[in-house]
Amino acid sequence: PAPAAPRHSLALASSLPPSPSAPPPEHLPWDPFVASVQPYPITSLQPKYFVADSLADAKRKMREYTKQMRKPFTATFDHLNATIVTSPSVQRLTPPDAN
């Protein structure tokens, strides 16, 4: 049989070295609906990693997640000019004077 495809972690590992006394992180299936509400304390190592079966699966699930989001504007990538084009409802804010 062919070797199993590697599973890709979609979580960012902590920059802190792992502590020998720290419990190992829990590995959960990639679900953006769950991951989006998962609290991550900044004072400890990341307690959970969300792992996808493949990058294609992660992308499909992320698209499903973003379809349900309320967005007051649209943004599309213009391949010809390599820029992001937003709908007219987006207004650019000007920074306050630095005086």
C-alpha atoms as a PDB file:
ATOM      1  CA  PRO A   1       0.000   0.000   0.000  1.00  0.00           C
ATOM      2  CA  ALA A   2       1.014   3.598  -0.612  1.00  0.00           C
ATOM      3  CA  PRO A   3       2.309   5.574   2.381  1.00  0.00           C
ATOM      4  CA  ALA A   4      -0.229   7.747   4.149  1.00  0.00           C
ATOM      5  CA  ALA A   5      -0.294  11.391   3.158  1.00  0.00           C
ATOM      6  CA  PRO A   6       1.217  13.680   5.787  1.00  0.00           C
ATOM      7  CA  ARG A   7      -1.206  15.594   7.969  1.00  0.00           C
ATOM      8  CA  HIS A   8      -0.622  19.345   7.943  1.00  0.00           C
ATOM      9  CA  SER A   9      -0.892  21.343  11.143  1.00  0.00           C
ATOM     10  CA  LEU A  10      -2.811  24.574  10.623  1.00  0.00           C
ATOM     11  CA  ALA A  11      -1.824  25.954  13.986  1.00  0.00           C
ATOM     12  CA  LEU A  12       1.173  28.095  14.695  1.00  0.00           C
ATOM     13  CA  ALA A  13       3.507  26.548  17.196  1.00  0.00           C
ATOM     14  CA  SER A  14       4.413  28.584  20.220  1.00  0.00           C
ATOM     15  CA  SER A  15       7.777  30.307  20.155  1.00  0.00           C
ATOM     16  CA  LEU A  16       8.400  29.090  23.691  1.00  0.00           C
ATOM     17  CA  PRO A  17      10.356  25.853  24.065  1.00  0.00           C
ATOM     18  CA  PRO A  18       8.162  22.997  25.272  1.00  0.00           C
ATOM     19  CA  SER A  19       8.383  22.307  28.970  1.00  0.00           C
ATOM     20  CA  PRO A  20       9.042  18.698  29.998  1.00  0.00           C
ATOM     21  CA  SER A  21       6.302  19.061  32.604  1.00  0.00           C
ATOM     22  CA  ALA A  22       3.747  20.556  30.199  1.00  0.00           C
ATOM     23  CA  PRO A  23       1.091  18.199  28.913  1.00  0.00           C
ATOM     24  CA  PRO A  24       1.323  17.472  25.192  1.00  0.00           C
ATOM     25  CA  PRO A  25      -1.058  19.523  23.025  1.00  0.00           C
ATOM     26  CA  GLU A  26      -4.325  17.948  21.959  1.00  0.00           C
ATOM     27  CA  HIS A  27      -4.693  17.309  18.212  1.00  0.00           C
ATOM     28  CA  LEU A  28      -8.173  17.923  16.821  1.00  0.00           C
ATOM     29  CA  PRO A  29      -9.570  17.627  13.287  1.00  0.00           C
ATOM     30  CA  TRP A  30      -9.428  20.945  11.389  1.00  0.00           C
ATOM     31  CA  ASP A  31     -12.789  22.639  11.803  1.00  0.00           C
ATOM     32  CA  PRO A  32     -12.761  26.428  11.342  1.00  0.00           C
ATOM     33  CA  PHE A  33     -16.131  26.718  13.127  1.00  0.00           C
ATOM     34  CA  VAL A  34     -14.523  25.259  16.266  1.00  0.00           C
ATOM     35  CA  ALA A  35     -11.062  26.816  15.811  1.00  0.00           C
ATOM     36  CA  SER A  36     -12.511  30.323  15.433  1.00  0.00           C
ATOM     37  CA  VAL A  37     -13.912  30.283  18.961  1.00  0.00           C
ATOM     38  CA  GLN A  38     -11.082  28.373  20.641  1.00  0.00           C
ATOM     39  CA  PRO A  39      -9.515  30.532  23.373  1.00  0.00           C
ATOM     40  CA  TYR A  40      -5.720  30.602  23.424  1.00  0.00           C
ATOM     41  CA  PRO A  41      -4.159  32.104  26.551  1.00  0.00           C
ATOM     42  CA  ILE A  42      -1.046  34.094  25.714  1.00  0.00           C
ATOM     43  CA  THR A  43       0.621  33.073  28.973  1.00  0.00           C
ATOM     44  CA  SER A  44       0.864  29.351  28.263  1.00  0.00           C
ATOM     45  CA  LEU A  45       1.736  26.932  25.490  1.00  0.00           C
ATOM     46  CA  GLN A  46      -0.891  26.348  22.838  1.00  0.00           C
ATOM     47  CA  PRO A  47      -3.183  23.634  24.264  1.00  0.00           C
ATOM     48  CA  LYS A  48      -4.745  22.451  20.983  1.00  0.00           C
ATOM     49  CA  TYR A  49      -3.608  22.004  17.399  1.00  0.00           C
ATOM     50  CA  PHE A  50      -6.143  21.726  14.602  1.00  0.00           C
ATOM     51  CA  VAL A  51      -4.890  19.281  11.997  1.00  0.00           C
ATOM     52  CA  ALA A  52      -6.187  18.845   8.442  1.00  0.00           C
ATOM     53  CA  ASP A  53      -6.123  15.653   6.419  1.00  0.00           C
ATOM     54  CA  SER A  54      -4.798  17.646   3.457  1.00  0.00           C
ATOM     55  CA  LEU A  55      -4.347  21.227   2.342  1.00  0.00           C
ATOM     56  CA  ALA A  56      -7.186  20.737  -0.160  1.00  0.00           C
ATOM     57  CA  ASP A  57      -9.482  19.624   2.673  1.00  0.00           C
ATOM     58  CA  ALA A  58      -8.400  22.585   4.825  1.00  0.00           C
ATOM     59  CA  LYS A  59      -9.103  24.985   1.958  1.00  0.00           C
ATOM     60  CA  ARG A  60     -12.539  23.460   1.305  1.00  0.00           C
ATOM     61  CA  LYS A  61     -13.509  23.718   4.973  1.00  0.00           C
ATOM     62  CA  MET A  62     -12.220  27.289   5.200  1.00  0.00           C
ATOM     63  CA  ARG A  63     -14.294  28.274   2.165  1.00  0.00           C
ATOM     64  CA  GLU A  64     -17.388  26.715   3.778  1.00  0.00           C
ATOM     65  CA  TYR A  65     -16.662  28.708   6.920  1.00  0.00           C
ATOM     66  CA  THR A  66     -16.199  32.032   5.131  1.00  0.00           C
ATOM     67  CA  LYS A  67     -19.395  31.582   3.103  1.00  0.00           C
ATOM     68  CA  GLN A  68     -21.459  31.911   6.290  1.00  0.00           C
ATOM     69  CA  MET A  69     -19.683  35.093   7.431  1.00  0.00           C
ATOM     70  CA  ARG A  70     -21.490  38.400   7.067  1.00  0.00           C
ATOM     71  CA  LYS A  71     -19.317  40.662   4.944  1.00  0.00           C
ATOM     72  CA  PRO A  72     -20.342  44.280   4.244  1.00  0.00           C
ATOM     73  CA  PHE A  73     -18.012  44.392   1.220  1.00  0.00           C
ATOM     74  CA  THR A  74     -16.387  42.196  -1.379  1.00  0.00           C
ATOM     75  CA  ALA A  75     -12.723  41.835  -2.199  1.00  0.00           C
ATOM     76  CA  THR A  76     -11.321  40.143  -5.289  1.00  0.00           C
ATOM     77  CA  PHE A  77      -7.797  39.653  -6.535  1.00  0.00           C
ATOM     78  CA  ASP A  78      -6.965  41.316  -9.850  1.00  0.00           C
ATOM     79  CA  HIS A  79      -4.423  38.920 -11.380  1.00  0.00           C
ATOM     80  CA  LEU A  80      -3.488  41.307 -14.178  1.00  0.00           C
ATOM     81  CA  ASN A  81      -2.416  44.107 -11.811  1.00  0.00           C
ATOM     82  CA  ALA A  82      -1.631  41.912  -8.781  1.00  0.00           C
ATOM     83  CA  THR A  83      -3.886  44.034  -6.555  1.00  0.00           C
ATOM     84  CA  ILE A  84      -6.942  43.515  -4.390  1.00  0.00           C
ATOM     85  CA  VAL A  85     -10.052  45.316  -5.612  1.00  0.00           C
ATOM     86  CA  THR A  86     -12.766  46.127  -3.075  1.00  0.00           C
ATOM     87  CA  SER A  87     -16.399  47.002  -3.599  1.00  0.00           C
ATOM     88  CA  PRO A  88     -17.367  50.699  -3.525  1.00  0.00           C
ATOM     89  CA  SER A  89     -18.740  50.402   0.026  1.00  0.00           C
ATOM     90  CA  VAL A  90     -15.191  50.221   1.434  1.00  0.00           C
ATOM     91  CA  GLN A  91     -13.873  53.612   2.466  1.00  0.00           C
ATOM     92  CA  ARG A  92     -10.231  54.284   3.195  1.00  0.00           C
ATOM     93  CA  LEU A  93      -9.542  56.056   6.452  1.00  0.00           C
ATOM     94  CA  THR A  94      -6.930  58.769   6.483  1.00  0.00           C
ATOM     95  CA  PRO A  95      -4.587  58.828   9.470  1.00  0.00           C
ATOM     96  CA  PRO A  96      -4.894  61.782  11.828  1.00  0.00           C
ATOM     97  CA  ASP A  97      -2.320  64.534  11.530  1.00  0.00           C
ATOM     98  CA  ALA A  98       0.860  63.804  13.436  1.00  0.00           C
ATOM     99  CA  ASN A  99       0.937  67.388  14.788  1.00  0.00           C
END
